[in-house]
Amino acid sequence: MKRQKKPPKPAPVTPPQQDRSRDTMDKLLDAARELLEEKSFEDVTVRAVVDRAKSSTGAFYARFENRDALLDVLDDACAEELRTALTAFLDRCDDESAEMIRRLDPGRLLAEQVGELTELLISFHRRNRGPLRAVALRPRERRKEARKREAGAGSVPPTEEAMPRLLESFGRFREIVRHPDPERAPAVAAR
């Protein structure tokens, strides 16, 4: 007797194709974000998400295989938001730094850039506190699966992706940094 092949497993997330589907997905994601600000991921049910989004359970499962798939999408959205913000910050630093270092006090410019980066990271974490907490508290096995998924997609975490540019940007100020190891100081500061 010939074995039958199993049908392929559906993708954990079905991307929306139409505007109405995109709106529904956005409402579900917004509802999940709001709920994650109030409770832990374990306490956020599909029912609570669809009720908050004023949607249906069918609409949820048309988009997501399960709650973990929803959290994966939120995690990806946070990563993309951070990647975009860091890229814009570094582009501004690149445009400003070379000329401004010559014309201005380099110490003041460094302090301004470090302050801006710090504010960027703090505001990002405040806006995304719920999803970031949920991702960080995932069971170890799920985090490993998520990392494998990211690695398969060729994705690098935004902070690691930005690190070479951060080091280059902060490295321009080596001569004014009072650190026992000026070559290592930018890496310490960036991390």
N, C-alpha and C. Protein backbone atom coordinates (compact mmCIF):
# COMPACT_ATOMS: atom_id res chain seq x y z
N MET A 1 0.84 -1.18 0.00
CA MET A 1 0.00 0.00 0.00
C MET A 1 0.88 1.24 0.00
N LYS A 2 0.56 2.16 -0.84
CA LYS A 2 1.33 3.38 -0.99
C LYS A 2 0.93 4.39 0.08
N ARG A 3 1.94 5.00 0.70
CA ARG A 3 1.66 6.03 1.71
C ARG A 3 1.20 7.31 1.03
N GLN A 4 0.21 7.90 1.63
CA GLN A 4 -0.25 9.19 1.12
C GLN A 4 0.58 10.29 1.74
N LYS A 5 0.90 11.26 0.92
CA LYS A 5 1.64 12.41 1.45
C LYS A 5 0.70 13.26 2.28
N LYS A 6 1.27 13.78 3.37
CA LYS A 6 0.49 14.71 4.19
C LYS A 6 0.38 16.03 3.45
N PRO A 7 -0.78 16.68 3.57
CA PRO A 7 -0.86 18.00 2.94
C PRO A 7 0.10 18.95 3.63
N PRO A 8 0.62 19.93 2.90
CA PRO A 8 1.56 20.86 3.54
C PRO A 8 0.89 21.62 4.67
N LYS A 9 1.66 21.85 5.71
CA LYS A 9 1.15 22.59 6.86
C LYS A 9 0.97 24.06 6.47
N PRO A 10 -0.17 24.65 6.82
CA PRO A 10 -0.37 26.05 6.45
C PRO A 10 0.63 26.95 7.17
N ALA A 11 0.90 28.09 6.57
CA ALA A 11 1.81 29.06 7.19
C ALA A 11 1.18 29.56 8.47
N PRO A 12 2.01 29.86 9.49
CA PRO A 12 1.45 30.33 10.76
C PRO A 12 0.76 31.69 10.64
N VAL A 13 1.12 32.46 9.62
CA VAL A 13 0.49 33.77 9.40
C VAL A 13 0.13 33.87 7.93
N THR A 14 -1.11 34.26 7.67
CA THR A 14 -1.55 34.47 6.30
C THR A 14 -1.59 35.97 6.04
N PRO A 15 -0.71 36.47 5.20
CA PRO A 15 -0.70 37.92 4.95
C PRO A 15 -1.99 38.37 4.28
N PRO A 16 -2.50 39.52 4.66
CA PRO A 16 -3.73 40.02 4.05
C PRO A 16 -3.50 40.45 2.61
N GLN A 17 -4.50 40.24 1.78
CA GLN A 17 -4.40 40.60 0.37
C GLN A 17 -5.23 41.83 0.02
N GLN A 18 -6.28 42.07 0.80
CA GLN A 18 -7.19 43.17 0.50
C GLN A 18 -7.16 44.20 1.61
N ASP A 19 -7.59 45.41 1.29
CA ASP A 19 -7.60 46.49 2.28
C ASP A 19 -8.41 46.12 3.51
N ARG A 20 -9.57 45.54 3.31
CA ARG A 20 -10.41 45.16 4.45
C ARG A 20 -9.71 44.13 5.34
N SER A 21 -9.02 43.19 4.72
CA SER A 21 -8.27 42.19 5.50
C SER A 21 -7.11 42.83 6.25
N ARG A 22 -6.45 43.80 5.60
CA ARG A 22 -5.35 44.52 6.27
C ARG A 22 -5.89 45.29 7.47
N ASP A 23 -7.05 45.93 7.30
CA ASP A 23 -7.66 46.67 8.41
C ASP A 23 -7.98 45.73 9.57
N THR A 24 -8.54 44.56 9.25
CA THR A 24 -8.86 43.58 10.29
C THR A 24 -7.60 43.13 11.00
N MET A 25 -6.56 42.84 10.24
CA MET A 25 -5.30 42.40 10.85
C MET A 25 -4.72 43.50 11.73
N ASP A 26 -4.76 44.74 11.26
CA ASP A 26 -4.26 45.86 12.06
C ASP A 26 -5.04 46.01 13.36
N LYS A 27 -6.36 45.85 13.29
CA LYS A 27 -7.19 45.95 14.50
C LYS A 27 -6.85 44.83 15.48
N LEU A 28 -6.62 43.62 14.97
CA LEU A 28 -6.25 42.51 15.84
C LEU A 28 -4.89 42.76 16.49
N LEU A 29 -3.93 43.26 15.71
CA LEU A 29 -2.61 43.56 16.26
C LEU A 29 -2.67 44.69 17.29
N ASP A 30 -3.43 45.74 16.99
CA ASP A 30 -3.59 46.84 17.95
C ASP A 30 -4.24 46.35 19.24
N ALA A 31 -5.25 45.51 19.10
CA ALA A 31 -5.93 44.97 20.29
C ALA A 31 -4.96 44.13 21.12
N ALA A 32 -4.16 43.32 20.45
CA ALA A 32 -3.19 42.49 21.17
C ALA A 32 -2.17 43.37 21.89
N ARG A 33 -1.69 44.41 21.23
CA ARG A 33 -0.75 45.35 21.87
C ARG A 33 -1.35 45.96 23.12
N GLU A 34 -2.59 46.43 23.01
CA GLU A 34 -3.26 47.03 24.16
C GLU A 34 -3.39 46.03 25.31
N LEU A 35 -3.81 44.83 24.98
CA LEU A 35 -3.98 43.81 26.02
C LEU A 35 -2.65 43.43 26.67
N LEU A 36 -1.59 43.40 25.88
CA LEU A 36 -0.27 43.07 26.43
C LEU A 36 0.27 44.17 27.33
N GLU A 37 -0.26 45.37 27.21
CA GLU A 37 0.08 46.44 28.15
C GLU A 37 -0.58 46.19 29.51
N GLU A 38 -1.69 45.50 29.49
CA GLU A 38 -2.48 45.27 30.69
C GLU A 38 -2.20 43.94 31.38
N LYS A 39 -1.83 42.92 30.60
CA LYS A 39 -1.69 41.56 31.14
C LYS A 39 -0.51 40.83 30.51
N SER A 40 -0.23 39.68 31.07
CA SER A 40 0.82 38.84 30.50
C SER A 40 0.27 38.11 29.27
N PHE A 41 1.17 37.62 28.44
CA PHE A 41 0.76 36.92 27.22
C PHE A 41 -0.09 35.70 27.56
N GLU A 42 0.25 35.00 28.64
CA GLU A 42 -0.52 33.82 29.04
C GLU A 42 -1.96 34.16 29.36
N ASP A 43 -2.19 35.39 29.81
CA ASP A 43 -3.54 35.82 30.17
C ASP A 43 -4.31 36.47 29.03
N VAL A 44 -3.68 36.63 27.89
CA VAL A 44 -4.34 37.22 26.73
C VAL A 44 -4.88 36.08 25.86
N THR A 45 -6.19 35.99 25.80
CA THR A 45 -6.82 34.93 25.01
C THR A 45 -7.20 35.45 23.63
N VAL A 46 -7.41 34.50 22.72
CA VAL A 46 -7.89 34.87 21.39
C VAL A 46 -9.23 35.60 21.53
N ARG A 47 -10.09 35.12 22.40
CA ARG A 47 -11.40 35.75 22.61
C ARG A 47 -11.22 37.21 23.04
N ALA A 48 -10.30 37.46 23.96
CA ALA A 48 -10.07 38.84 24.41
C ALA A 48 -9.57 39.72 23.27
N VAL A 49 -8.69 39.19 22.44
CA VAL A 49 -8.16 39.96 21.31
C VAL A 49 -9.28 40.29 20.33
N VAL A 50 -10.09 39.29 19.95
CA VAL A 50 -11.14 39.56 18.96
C VAL A 50 -12.22 40.47 19.54
N ASP A 51 -12.52 40.33 20.82
CA ASP A 51 -13.50 41.23 21.45
C ASP A 51 -12.98 42.66 21.44
N ARG A 52 -11.72 42.86 21.82
CA ARG A 52 -11.15 44.21 21.84
C ARG A 52 -11.09 44.80 20.43
N ALA A 53 -10.81 43.95 19.44
CA ALA A 53 -10.71 44.42 18.05
C ALA A 53 -12.08 44.56 17.39
N LYS A 54 -13.12 44.12 18.10
CA LYS A 54 -14.47 44.11 17.52
C LYS A 54 -14.46 43.31 16.22
N SER A 55 -13.87 42.14 16.31
CA SER A 55 -13.73 41.25 15.16
C SER A 55 -14.33 39.89 15.52
N SER A 56 -13.94 38.88 14.78
CA SER A 56 -14.46 37.53 15.04
C SER A 56 -13.32 36.54 15.18
N THR A 57 -13.63 35.43 15.83
CA THR A 57 -12.63 34.36 15.99
C THR A 57 -12.22 33.83 14.63
N GLY A 58 -13.18 33.74 13.71
CA GLY A 58 -12.87 33.29 12.35
C GLY A 58 -11.89 34.21 11.65
N ALA A 59 -12.07 35.52 11.85
CA ALA A 59 -11.14 36.49 11.24
C ALA A 59 -9.75 36.31 11.84
N PHE A 60 -9.67 36.04 13.15
CA PHE A 60 -8.38 35.82 13.79
C PHE A 60 -7.68 34.62 13.15
N TYR A 61 -8.39 33.48 13.10
CA TYR A 61 -7.77 32.26 12.59
C TYR A 61 -7.58 32.28 11.07
N ALA A 62 -8.23 33.21 10.38
CA ALA A 62 -7.95 33.38 8.95
C ALA A 62 -6.59 34.04 8.76
N ARG A 63 -6.13 34.78 9.75
CA ARG A 63 -4.85 35.49 9.70
C ARG A 63 -3.73 34.75 10.43
N PHE A 64 -4.05 34.18 11.60
CA PHE A 64 -3.01 33.60 12.47
C PHE A 64 -3.35 32.15 12.80
N GLU A 65 -2.31 31.31 12.79
CA GLU A 65 -2.50 29.90 13.16
C GLU A 65 -2.87 29.78 14.63
N ASN A 66 -2.27 30.64 15.47
CA ASN A 66 -2.51 30.59 16.91
C ASN A 66 -1.99 31.89 17.55
N ARG A 67 -2.05 31.95 18.87
CA ARG A 67 -1.58 33.15 19.57
C ARG A 67 -0.09 33.37 19.38
N ASP A 68 0.69 32.30 19.32
CA ASP A 68 2.13 32.45 19.12
C ASP A 68 2.44 33.11 17.78
N ALA A 69 1.68 32.78 16.76
CA ALA A 69 1.88 33.42 15.45
C ALA A 69 1.58 34.92 15.55
N LEU A 70 0.56 35.28 16.31
CA LEU A 70 0.24 36.69 16.54
C LEU A 70 1.42 37.39 17.22
N LEU A 71 1.99 36.74 18.23
CA LEU A 71 3.14 37.33 18.92
C LEU A 71 4.35 37.44 18.00
N ASP A 72 4.52 36.48 17.11
CA ASP A 72 5.61 36.55 16.12
C ASP A 72 5.46 37.79 15.24
N VAL A 73 4.23 38.08 14.81
CA VAL A 73 4.00 39.24 13.97
C VAL A 73 4.28 40.53 14.75
N LEU A 74 3.84 40.57 16.01
CA LEU A 74 4.13 41.75 16.84
C LEU A 74 5.63 41.91 17.04
N ASP A 75 6.33 40.82 17.25
CA ASP A 75 7.79 40.85 17.42
C ASP A 75 8.45 41.38 16.14
N ASP A 76 8.01 40.89 14.98
CA ASP A 76 8.56 41.37 13.71
C ASP A 76 8.27 42.85 13.51
N ALA A 77 7.07 43.29 13.89
CA ALA A 77 6.71 44.71 13.74
C ALA A 77 7.58 45.59 14.63
N CYS A 78 7.84 45.13 15.85
CA CYS A 78 8.72 45.88 16.76
C CYS A 78 10.13 45.95 16.18
N ALA A 79 10.62 44.83 15.67
CA ALA A 79 11.97 44.81 15.09
C ALA A 79 12.06 45.77 13.91
N GLU A 80 11.04 45.79 13.08
CA GLU A 80 11.06 46.68 11.91
C GLU A 80 10.99 48.15 12.34
N GLU A 81 10.18 48.43 13.35
CA GLU A 81 10.09 49.81 13.87
C GLU A 81 11.45 50.27 14.39
N LEU A 82 12.13 49.41 15.15
CA LEU A 82 13.44 49.76 15.70
C LEU A 82 14.47 49.90 14.58
N ARG A 83 14.43 49.00 13.61
CA ARG A 83 15.37 49.06 12.48
C ARG A 83 15.21 50.39 11.73
N THR A 84 13.99 50.79 11.48
CA THR A 84 13.72 52.05 10.77
C THR A 84 14.21 53.25 11.58
N ALA A 85 13.93 53.24 12.88
CA ALA A 85 14.34 54.37 13.73
C ALA A 85 15.86 54.46 13.83
N LEU A 86 16.53 53.33 14.01
CA LEU A 86 18.00 53.34 14.10
C LEU A 86 18.63 53.78 12.78
N THR A 87 18.08 53.32 11.67
CA THR A 87 18.62 53.72 10.37
C THR A 87 18.48 55.23 10.17
N ALA A 88 17.31 55.78 10.51
CA ALA A 88 17.11 57.24 10.37
C ALA A 88 18.07 58.00 11.28
N PHE A 89 18.24 57.53 12.51
CA PHE A 89 19.17 58.17 13.44
C PHE A 89 20.59 58.16 12.88
N LEU A 90 21.03 57.00 12.42
CA LEU A 90 22.39 56.88 11.92
C LEU A 90 22.60 57.68 10.63
N ASP A 91 21.58 57.74 9.78
CA ASP A 91 21.69 58.58 8.58
C ASP A 91 21.89 60.04 8.97
N ARG A 92 21.13 60.51 9.97
CA ARG A 92 21.29 61.89 10.43
C ARG A 92 22.69 62.10 11.01
N CYS A 93 23.16 61.13 11.80
CA CYS A 93 24.51 61.24 12.38
C CYS A 93 25.56 61.32 11.29
N ASP A 94 25.43 60.48 10.28
CA ASP A 94 26.40 60.50 9.18
C ASP A 94 26.40 61.85 8.47
N ASP A 95 25.21 62.39 8.24
CA ASP A 95 25.11 63.68 7.55
C ASP A 95 25.69 64.81 8.40
N GLU A 96 25.45 64.77 9.71
CA GLU A 96 25.86 65.85 10.60
C GLU A 96 27.32 65.76 11.03
N SER A 97 27.77 64.57 11.34
CA SER A 97 29.01 64.40 12.09
C SER A 97 30.24 65.00 11.46
N ALA A 98 30.56 64.60 10.25
CA ALA A 98 31.84 65.01 9.67
C ALA A 98 32.00 66.52 9.67
N GLU A 99 31.01 67.24 9.17
CA GLU A 99 31.14 68.69 9.10
C GLU A 99 31.03 69.33 10.48
N MET A 100 30.10 68.84 11.29
CA MET A 100 29.87 69.46 12.59
C MET A 100 31.03 69.24 13.55
N ILE A 101 31.72 68.12 13.42
CA ILE A 101 32.87 67.88 14.28
C ILE A 101 33.93 68.95 14.03
N ARG A 102 34.06 69.34 12.77
CA ARG A 102 35.05 70.37 12.43
C ARG A 102 34.61 71.75 12.95
N ARG A 103 33.32 72.04 12.88
CA ARG A 103 32.84 73.38 13.22
C ARG A 103 32.44 73.56 14.67
N LEU A 104 31.98 72.52 15.30
CA LEU A 104 31.45 72.63 16.67
C LEU A 104 32.35 71.92 17.67
N ASP A 105 31.96 72.04 18.87
CA ASP A 105 32.61 71.30 19.95
C ASP A 105 32.24 69.82 19.81
N PRO A 106 33.21 68.95 19.51
CA PRO A 106 32.89 67.53 19.32
C PRO A 106 32.26 66.89 20.56
N GLY A 107 32.67 67.35 21.73
CA GLY A 107 32.07 66.80 22.96
C GLY A 107 30.59 67.08 23.05
N ARG A 108 30.19 68.27 22.67
CA ARG A 108 28.76 68.62 22.68
C ARG A 108 27.99 67.79 21.66
N LEU A 109 28.57 67.62 20.48
CA LEU A 109 27.91 66.82 19.44
C LEU A 109 27.75 65.37 19.89
N LEU A 110 28.80 64.81 20.49
CA LEU A 110 28.72 63.44 20.98
C LEU A 110 27.62 63.31 22.04
N ALA A 111 27.58 64.26 22.97
CA ALA A 111 26.56 64.23 24.02
C ALA A 111 25.16 64.32 23.41
N GLU A 112 24.99 65.15 22.40
CA GLU A 112 23.69 65.29 21.74
C GLU A 112 23.29 63.98 21.06
N GLN A 113 24.23 63.36 20.35
CA GLN A 113 23.91 62.12 19.64
C GLN A 113 23.62 60.98 20.62
N VAL A 114 24.40 60.87 21.67
CA VAL A 114 24.15 59.82 22.66
C VAL A 114 22.80 60.07 23.34
N GLY A 115 22.50 61.32 23.63
CA GLY A 115 21.21 61.66 24.23
C GLY A 115 20.05 61.32 23.31
N GLU A 116 20.20 61.64 22.03
CA GLU A 116 19.15 61.34 21.07
C GLU A 116 18.95 59.82 20.93
N LEU A 117 20.05 59.08 20.85
CA LEU A 117 19.95 57.62 20.75
C LEU A 117 19.29 57.04 22.00
N THR A 118 19.67 57.53 23.15
CA THR A 118 19.08 57.05 24.40
C THR A 118 17.58 57.31 24.42
N GLU A 119 17.17 58.51 24.04
CA GLU A 119 15.74 58.85 23.99
C GLU A 119 15.00 57.97 22.98
N LEU A 120 15.63 57.74 21.82
CA LEU A 120 15.02 56.87 20.81
C LEU A 120 14.75 55.48 21.39
N LEU A 121 15.75 54.90 22.05
CA LEU A 121 15.61 53.55 22.60
C LEU A 121 14.60 53.50 23.75
N ILE A 122 14.62 54.51 24.61
CA ILE A 122 13.67 54.55 25.73
C ILE A 122 12.25 54.67 25.22
N SER A 123 12.01 55.58 24.28
CA SER A 123 10.64 55.76 23.77
C SER A 123 10.19 54.52 23.00
N PHE A 124 11.09 53.87 22.27
CA PHE A 124 10.74 52.61 21.59
C PHE A 124 10.30 51.57 22.60
N HIS A 125 11.07 51.39 23.66
CA HIS A 125 10.73 50.38 24.66
C HIS A 125 9.45 50.73 25.40
N ARG A 126 9.20 51.99 25.65
CA ARG A 126 7.94 52.38 26.31
C ARG A 126 6.74 52.09 25.41
N ARG A 127 6.86 52.43 24.12
CA ARG A 127 5.75 52.19 23.19
C ARG A 127 5.46 50.71 23.01
N ASN A 128 6.48 49.89 23.13
CA ASN A 128 6.35 48.46 22.83
C ASN A 128 6.54 47.57 24.06
N ARG A 129 6.34 48.14 25.23
CA ARG A 129 6.59 47.43 26.49
C ARG A 129 5.88 46.07 26.54
N GLY A 130 4.61 46.04 26.22
CA GLY A 130 3.84 44.79 26.31
C GLY A 130 4.35 43.70 25.40
N PRO A 131 4.44 43.96 24.08
CA PRO A 131 4.96 42.91 23.19
C PRO A 131 6.40 42.51 23.51
N LEU A 132 7.24 43.47 23.86
CA LEU A 132 8.65 43.13 24.17
C LEU A 132 8.72 42.25 25.41
N ARG A 133 7.91 42.55 26.42
CA ARG A 133 7.87 41.73 27.63
C ARG A 133 7.40 40.32 27.29
N ALA A 134 6.34 40.22 26.48
CA ALA A 134 5.80 38.91 26.11
C ALA A 134 6.83 38.07 25.36
N VAL A 135 7.56 38.71 24.44
CA VAL A 135 8.58 37.98 23.68
C VAL A 135 9.72 37.55 24.60
N ALA A 136 10.14 38.43 25.49
CA ALA A 136 11.25 38.11 26.40
C ALA A 136 10.88 36.98 27.37
N LEU A 137 9.61 36.90 27.74
CA LEU A 137 9.20 35.88 28.71
C LEU A 137 8.70 34.60 28.07
N ARG A 138 8.80 34.52 26.75
CA ARG A 138 8.41 33.28 26.07
C ARG A 138 9.21 32.12 26.63
N PRO A 139 8.62 30.96 26.64
CA PRO A 139 9.42 29.79 27.03
C PRO A 139 10.63 29.66 26.10
N ARG A 140 11.70 29.15 26.64
CA ARG A 140 12.97 29.04 25.91
C ARG A 140 12.80 28.36 24.55
N GLU A 141 11.97 27.31 24.48
CA GLU A 141 11.80 26.58 23.23
C GLU A 141 11.21 27.48 22.15
N ARG A 142 10.24 28.30 22.51
CA ARG A 142 9.63 29.20 21.54
C ARG A 142 10.63 30.27 21.08
N ARG A 143 11.47 30.75 21.99
CA ARG A 143 12.48 31.74 21.59
C ARG A 143 13.46 31.12 20.60
N LYS A 144 13.82 29.85 20.84
CA LYS A 144 14.73 29.17 19.91
C LYS A 144 14.08 29.02 18.54
N GLU A 145 12.79 28.67 18.52
CA GLU A 145 12.07 28.55 17.25
C GLU A 145 12.04 29.89 16.53
N ALA A 146 11.77 30.97 17.28
CA ALA A 146 11.71 32.30 16.67
C ALA A 146 13.07 32.69 16.10
N ARG A 147 14.15 32.37 16.82
CA ARG A 147 15.49 32.69 16.31
C ARG A 147 15.79 31.91 15.03
N LYS A 148 15.38 30.63 15.00
CA LYS A 148 15.59 29.83 13.79
C LYS A 148 14.81 30.43 12.63
N ARG A 149 13.59 30.87 12.90
CA ARG A 149 12.76 31.48 11.87
C ARG A 149 13.44 32.74 11.35
N GLU A 150 13.97 33.56 12.26
CA GLU A 150 14.67 34.78 11.86
C GLU A 150 15.92 34.45 11.05
N ALA A 151 16.67 33.46 11.52
CA ALA A 151 17.91 33.08 10.83
C ALA A 151 17.60 32.59 9.43
N GLY A 152 16.52 31.83 9.30
CA GLY A 152 16.12 31.33 7.99
C GLY A 152 15.74 32.45 7.05
N ALA A 153 15.20 33.51 7.60
CA ALA A 153 14.79 34.65 6.78
C ALA A 153 15.96 35.60 6.52
N GLY A 154 17.12 35.27 7.08
CA GLY A 154 18.28 36.13 6.90
C GLY A 154 18.19 37.40 7.73
N SER A 155 17.35 37.38 8.74
CA SER A 155 17.11 38.56 9.55
C SER A 155 18.11 38.64 10.70
N VAL A 156 18.61 39.83 10.92
CA VAL A 156 19.51 40.10 12.04
C VAL A 156 18.77 41.06 12.95
N PRO A 157 18.83 40.87 14.28
CA PRO A 157 18.17 41.83 15.16
C PRO A 157 18.63 43.25 14.85
N PRO A 158 17.70 44.21 14.90
CA PRO A 158 18.03 45.59 14.49
C PRO A 158 19.22 46.18 15.23
N THR A 159 19.36 45.90 16.51
CA THR A 159 20.48 46.49 17.24
C THR A 159 21.81 45.91 16.75
N GLU A 160 21.83 44.62 16.44
CA GLU A 160 23.05 44.02 15.91
C GLU A 160 23.34 44.51 14.50
N GLU A 161 22.29 44.70 13.72
CA GLU A 161 22.44 45.20 12.36
C GLU A 161 23.03 46.61 12.37
N ALA A 162 22.60 47.42 13.34
CA ALA A 162 23.05 48.81 13.42
C ALA A 162 24.42 48.96 14.09
N MET A 163 24.89 47.93 14.78
CA MET A 163 26.11 48.04 15.57
C MET A 163 27.31 48.55 14.78
N PRO A 164 27.62 48.03 13.59
CA PRO A 164 28.80 48.55 12.87
C PRO A 164 28.69 50.06 12.59
N ARG A 165 27.50 50.52 12.24
CA ARG A 165 27.33 51.95 11.97
C ARG A 165 27.41 52.77 13.26
N LEU A 166 26.87 52.22 14.35
CA LEU A 166 26.99 52.92 15.64
C LEU A 166 28.46 53.04 16.04
N LEU A 167 29.20 51.95 15.88
CA LEU A 167 30.62 51.98 16.23
C LEU A 167 31.38 52.99 15.37
N GLU A 168 31.06 53.03 14.09
CA GLU A 168 31.72 54.00 13.21
C GLU A 168 31.36 55.43 13.62
N SER A 169 30.08 55.65 13.90
CA SER A 169 29.63 57.00 14.27
C SER A 169 30.28 57.46 15.57
N PHE A 170 30.22 56.61 16.61
CA PHE A 170 30.80 56.98 17.90
C PHE A 170 32.33 56.96 17.84
N GLY A 171 32.89 56.14 16.93
CA GLY A 171 34.33 56.07 16.78
C GLY A 171 34.95 57.38 16.31
N ARG A 172 34.16 58.24 15.70
CA ARG A 172 34.67 59.54 15.25
C ARG A 172 35.11 60.42 16.43
N PHE A 173 34.66 60.06 17.62
CA PHE A 173 34.92 60.88 18.80
C PHE A 173 36.01 60.28 19.70
N ARG A 174 36.76 59.30 19.21
CA ARG A 174 37.75 58.61 20.03
C ARG A 174 38.70 59.57 20.77
N GLU A 175 39.12 60.61 20.06
CA GLU A 175 40.13 61.50 20.64
C GLU A 175 39.62 62.30 21.84
N ILE A 176 38.32 62.43 21.99
CA ILE A 176 37.80 63.21 23.13
C ILE A 176 37.24 62.31 24.24
N VAL A 177 37.22 61.01 24.01
CA VAL A 177 36.65 60.09 25.00
C VAL A 177 37.68 59.83 26.09
N ARG A 178 37.25 60.04 27.31
CA ARG A 178 38.14 59.75 28.45
C ARG A 178 37.79 58.38 28.98
N HIS A 179 38.40 57.40 28.40
CA HIS A 179 38.15 56.00 28.75
C HIS A 179 39.50 55.31 28.74
N PRO A 180 39.72 54.37 29.66
CA PRO A 180 41.03 53.70 29.70
C PRO A 180 41.41 53.01 28.39
N ASP A 181 40.40 52.60 27.61
CA ASP A 181 40.66 51.93 26.34
C ASP A 181 39.83 52.62 25.26
N PRO A 182 40.34 53.73 24.69
CA PRO A 182 39.55 54.52 23.74
C PRO A 182 39.08 53.73 22.51
N GLU A 183 39.82 52.69 22.12
CA GLU A 183 39.40 51.88 20.98
C GLU A 183 38.17 51.05 21.33
N ARG A 184 38.07 50.65 22.58
CA ARG A 184 36.96 49.81 23.02
C ARG A 184 35.75 50.64 23.47
N ALA A 185 35.96 51.88 23.80
CA ALA A 185 34.91 52.74 24.36
C ALA A 185 33.65 52.81 23.46
N PRO A 186 33.78 52.99 22.13
CA PRO A 186 32.56 53.07 21.33
C PRO A 186 31.71 51.80 21.41
N ALA A 187 32.35 50.64 21.45
CA ALA A 187 31.60 49.38 21.54
C ALA A 187 30.88 49.26 22.88
N VAL A 188 31.57 49.67 23.94
CA VAL A 188 30.95 49.63 25.27
C VAL A 188 29.76 50.58 25.30
N ALA A 189 29.93 51.78 24.78
CA ALA A 189 28.86 52.78 24.78
C ALA A 189 27.67 52.30 23.93
N ALA A 190 27.97 51.76 22.76
CA ALA A 190 26.90 51.33 21.85
C ALA A 190 26.10 50.18 22.45
N ARG A 191 26.77 49.26 23.12
CA ARG A 191 26.04 48.14 23.72
C ARG A 191 25.26 48.60 24.93
